[in-house]
Amino acid sequence: MDVSTISWIGGPAGRPAFHAFLKQAIIRGLEKRVMFGSDQMGWPDAIGLAIAGVDSAPFLTSDQKHDIFYGNAATFFLLRDQD
């Protein structure tokens, strides 16, 4: 599941609803299926709001945030670290 526009569309006032949605996804076992998508071709100035929407979720661990921002997409797209 991609949380692109939903993470910022309501601005800071919409964050409680987004956080509630995201928390339910985590509770229901979907944490390895949540991916961050910037979706910012039409609204490039909103990328900071989108990042803040995920990053400000107080219930997410740093590992969960890493997975949302990178790890889950890397797994989905079969990417490997370039060490």
N, C-alpha and C. Protein backbone atom coordinates (compact mmCIF):
# COMPACT_ATOMS: atom_id res chain seq x y z
N MET A 1 0.85 -1.16 0.00
CA MET A 1 0.00 0.00 0.00
C MET A 1 0.89 1.22 0.00
N ASP A 2 0.55 2.16 -0.83
CA ASP A 2 1.31 3.39 -1.00
C ASP A 2 0.62 4.51 -0.23
N VAL A 3 1.39 5.17 0.62
CA VAL A 3 0.83 6.29 1.40
C VAL A 3 1.38 7.60 0.86
N SER A 4 1.10 7.86 -0.38
CA SER A 4 1.61 9.10 -0.97
C SER A 4 0.74 10.28 -0.58
N THR A 5 -0.27 10.54 -1.32
CA THR A 5 -1.10 11.73 -1.09
C THR A 5 -1.79 11.71 0.27
N ILE A 6 -2.20 10.54 0.72
CA ILE A 6 -2.92 10.46 2.00
C ILE A 6 -2.08 10.96 3.17
N SER A 7 -0.75 10.90 3.03
CA SER A 7 0.11 11.33 4.14
C SER A 7 0.19 12.85 4.30
N TRP A 8 -0.26 13.61 3.31
CA TRP A 8 -0.13 15.07 3.41
C TRP A 8 -1.38 15.86 3.01
N ILE A 9 -2.35 15.25 2.37
CA ILE A 9 -3.45 15.98 1.74
C ILE A 9 -4.20 16.89 2.72
N GLY A 10 -4.30 16.52 3.95
CA GLY A 10 -5.00 17.37 4.92
C GLY A 10 -4.10 18.35 5.62
N GLY A 11 -2.80 18.37 5.22
CA GLY A 11 -1.85 19.23 5.90
C GLY A 11 -1.70 18.80 7.36
N PRO A 12 -1.10 19.62 8.18
CA PRO A 12 -0.94 19.26 9.59
C PRO A 12 -2.26 18.94 10.29
N ALA A 13 -3.34 19.58 9.88
CA ALA A 13 -4.65 19.31 10.51
C ALA A 13 -5.16 17.92 10.17
N GLY A 14 -4.72 17.36 9.06
CA GLY A 14 -5.16 16.03 8.65
C GLY A 14 -4.31 14.89 9.20
N ARG A 15 -3.23 15.22 9.89
CA ARG A 15 -2.33 14.18 10.39
C ARG A 15 -2.97 13.22 11.37
N PRO A 16 -3.81 13.67 12.31
CA PRO A 16 -4.41 12.70 13.22
C PRO A 16 -5.18 11.59 12.48
N ALA A 17 -5.91 11.95 11.45
CA ALA A 17 -6.65 10.94 10.68
C ALA A 17 -5.69 10.02 9.93
N PHE A 18 -4.63 10.58 9.34
CA PHE A 18 -3.65 9.76 8.65
C PHE A 18 -2.95 8.84 9.63
N HIS A 19 -2.58 9.36 10.79
CA HIS A 19 -1.91 8.53 11.79
C HIS A 19 -2.82 7.41 12.27
N ALA A 20 -4.09 7.69 12.45
CA ALA A 20 -5.03 6.65 12.86
C ALA A 20 -5.12 5.55 11.79
N PHE A 21 -5.16 5.96 10.53
CA PHE A 21 -5.19 5.01 9.41
C PHE A 21 -3.92 4.16 9.39
N LEU A 22 -2.77 4.82 9.53
CA LEU A 22 -1.49 4.12 9.50
C LEU A 22 -1.35 3.18 10.70
N LYS A 23 -1.79 3.63 11.85
CA LYS A 23 -1.72 2.78 13.05
C LYS A 23 -2.56 1.53 12.88
N GLN A 24 -3.74 1.67 12.29
CA GLN A 24 -4.58 0.50 12.04
C GLN A 24 -3.92 -0.46 11.06
N ALA A 25 -3.24 0.06 10.06
CA ALA A 25 -2.52 -0.79 9.11
C ALA A 25 -1.45 -1.59 9.83
N ILE A 26 -0.73 -0.94 10.75
CA ILE A 26 0.31 -1.62 11.52
C ILE A 26 -0.30 -2.69 12.42
N ILE A 27 -1.37 -2.32 13.13
CA ILE A 27 -2.05 -3.25 14.03
C ILE A 27 -2.54 -4.48 13.27
N ARG A 28 -2.99 -4.29 12.05
CA ARG A 28 -3.54 -5.39 11.24
C ARG A 28 -2.45 -6.18 10.50
N GLY A 29 -1.20 -5.91 10.84
CA GLY A 29 -0.11 -6.71 10.30
C GLY A 29 0.38 -6.31 8.92
N LEU A 30 0.11 -5.09 8.51
CA LEU A 30 0.50 -4.66 7.17
C LEU A 30 1.78 -3.83 7.15
N GLU A 31 2.54 -3.81 8.24
CA GLU A 31 3.69 -2.91 8.30
C GLU A 31 4.74 -3.20 7.24
N LYS A 32 4.85 -4.41 6.76
CA LYS A 32 5.82 -4.74 5.71
C LYS A 32 5.25 -4.50 4.31
N ARG A 33 4.05 -3.95 4.25
CA ARG A 33 3.42 -3.68 2.97
C ARG A 33 3.15 -2.19 2.73
N VAL A 34 3.53 -1.36 3.68
CA VAL A 34 3.31 0.08 3.56
C VAL A 34 4.55 0.71 2.91
N MET A 35 4.34 1.46 1.83
CA MET A 35 5.44 2.11 1.14
C MET A 35 5.17 3.60 1.00
N PHE A 36 6.21 4.37 1.15
CA PHE A 36 6.11 5.81 0.94
C PHE A 36 6.25 6.08 -0.55
N GLY A 37 5.32 6.84 -1.07
CA GLY A 37 5.42 7.30 -2.44
C GLY A 37 5.27 8.80 -2.43
N SER A 38 6.20 9.49 -3.03
CA SER A 38 6.12 10.95 -2.99
C SER A 38 4.95 11.46 -3.80
N ASP A 39 4.67 10.85 -4.95
CA ASP A 39 3.52 11.22 -5.77
C ASP A 39 3.47 12.73 -6.01
N GLN A 40 4.63 13.35 -6.16
CA GLN A 40 4.70 14.80 -6.15
C GLN A 40 4.92 15.43 -7.52
N MET A 41 4.58 14.77 -8.58
CA MET A 41 4.76 15.39 -9.90
C MET A 41 3.88 16.63 -10.05
N GLY A 42 2.70 16.60 -9.47
CA GLY A 42 1.79 17.73 -9.57
C GLY A 42 1.96 18.76 -8.47
N TRP A 43 2.47 18.33 -7.32
CA TRP A 43 2.61 19.22 -6.17
C TRP A 43 3.99 19.04 -5.53
N PRO A 44 5.06 19.45 -6.20
CA PRO A 44 6.40 19.21 -5.66
C PRO A 44 6.66 19.88 -4.32
N ASP A 45 5.95 20.95 -4.02
CA ASP A 45 6.16 21.61 -2.73
C ASP A 45 5.59 20.81 -1.56
N ALA A 46 4.80 19.78 -1.84
CA ALA A 46 4.17 19.01 -0.77
C ALA A 46 5.03 17.85 -0.28
N ILE A 47 6.17 17.60 -0.90
CA ILE A 47 6.97 16.45 -0.49
C ILE A 47 7.40 16.54 0.98
N GLY A 48 7.72 17.74 1.45
CA GLY A 48 8.07 17.90 2.86
C GLY A 48 6.92 17.54 3.78
N LEU A 49 5.71 17.92 3.40
CA LEU A 49 4.52 17.56 4.18
C LEU A 49 4.32 16.05 4.20
N ALA A 50 4.57 15.41 3.06
CA ALA A 50 4.39 13.96 2.96
C ALA A 50 5.38 13.24 3.87
N ILE A 51 6.63 13.67 3.84
CA ILE A 51 7.65 13.06 4.70
C ILE A 51 7.30 13.28 6.16
N ALA A 52 6.93 14.51 6.50
CA ALA A 52 6.57 14.83 7.88
C ALA A 52 5.36 14.04 8.36
N GLY A 53 4.43 13.75 7.45
CA GLY A 53 3.25 12.98 7.82
C GLY A 53 3.60 11.60 8.35
N VAL A 54 4.56 10.95 7.73
CA VAL A 54 5.01 9.63 8.19
C VAL A 54 5.96 9.79 9.37
N ASP A 55 6.93 10.67 9.23
CA ASP A 55 7.97 10.83 10.25
C ASP A 55 7.42 11.26 11.60
N SER A 56 6.31 11.96 11.61
CA SER A 56 5.75 12.46 12.87
C SER A 56 4.82 11.47 13.58
N ALA A 57 4.63 10.29 13.01
CA ALA A 57 3.77 9.28 13.66
C ALA A 57 4.47 8.78 14.92
N PRO A 58 3.96 9.12 16.10
CA PRO A 58 4.67 8.81 17.35
C PRO A 58 4.74 7.32 17.68
N PHE A 59 3.92 6.53 17.09
CA PHE A 59 3.87 5.09 17.40
C PHE A 59 4.81 4.27 16.53
N LEU A 60 5.39 4.87 15.49
CA LEU A 60 6.29 4.13 14.61
C LEU A 60 7.70 4.10 15.20
N THR A 61 8.32 2.93 15.12
CA THR A 61 9.72 2.82 15.52
C THR A 61 10.60 3.33 14.38
N SER A 62 11.87 3.54 14.66
CA SER A 62 12.77 3.98 13.59
C SER A 62 12.91 2.89 12.53
N ASP A 63 12.85 1.62 12.92
CA ASP A 63 12.89 0.53 11.93
C ASP A 63 11.65 0.54 11.04
N GLN A 64 10.49 0.80 11.62
CA GLN A 64 9.26 0.86 10.82
C GLN A 64 9.30 2.03 9.85
N LYS A 65 9.82 3.17 10.30
CA LYS A 65 9.95 4.32 9.41
C LYS A 65 10.91 4.01 8.27
N HIS A 66 12.03 3.37 8.58
CA HIS A 66 12.98 2.98 7.54
C HIS A 66 12.31 2.07 6.52
N ASP A 67 11.53 1.12 7.00
CA ASP A 67 10.83 0.21 6.08
C ASP A 67 9.83 0.97 5.20
N ILE A 68 9.10 1.89 5.78
CA ILE A 68 8.11 2.65 5.00
C ILE A 68 8.81 3.51 3.96
N PHE A 69 9.89 4.18 4.36
CA PHE A 69 10.58 5.07 3.44
C PHE A 69 11.46 4.34 2.43
N TYR A 70 11.94 3.15 2.77
CA TYR A 70 12.86 2.47 1.86
C TYR A 70 12.71 0.95 1.81
N GLY A 71 12.80 0.32 2.97
CA GLY A 71 12.91 -1.14 3.03
C GLY A 71 11.80 -1.92 2.35
N ASN A 72 10.57 -1.51 2.56
CA ASN A 72 9.45 -2.25 1.97
C ASN A 72 9.45 -2.15 0.44
N ALA A 73 9.79 -0.98 -0.09
CA ALA A 73 9.87 -0.83 -1.55
C ALA A 73 11.04 -1.62 -2.10
N ALA A 74 12.18 -1.62 -1.39
CA ALA A 74 13.34 -2.39 -1.84
C ALA A 74 12.99 -3.87 -1.92
N THR A 75 12.25 -4.36 -0.95
CA THR A 75 11.82 -5.76 -0.98
C THR A 75 10.86 -6.00 -2.14
N PHE A 76 9.89 -5.12 -2.29
CA PHE A 76 8.88 -5.27 -3.34
C PHE A 76 9.51 -5.27 -4.74
N PHE A 77 10.47 -4.37 -4.96
CA PHE A 77 11.09 -4.24 -6.27
C PHE A 77 12.35 -5.11 -6.41
N LEU A 78 12.59 -5.98 -5.42
CA LEU A 78 13.72 -6.91 -5.45
C LEU A 78 15.06 -6.19 -5.60
N LEU A 79 15.20 -5.06 -4.92
CA LEU A 79 16.44 -4.30 -4.95
C LEU A 79 17.41 -4.85 -3.92
N ARG A 80 18.66 -4.73 -4.17
CA ARG A 80 19.68 -5.16 -3.22
C ARG A 80 20.55 -3.97 -2.89
N ASP A 81 21.07 -3.97 -1.64
CA ASP A 81 21.98 -2.90 -1.26
C ASP A 81 23.23 -2.96 -2.12
N GLN A 82 23.72 -1.80 -2.48
CA GLN A 82 24.92 -1.71 -3.29
C GLN A 82 26.14 -1.52 -2.40
N ASP A 83 26.54 -2.54 -1.69
CA ASP A 83 27.71 -2.45 -0.77
C ASP A 83 28.99 -2.60 -1.53
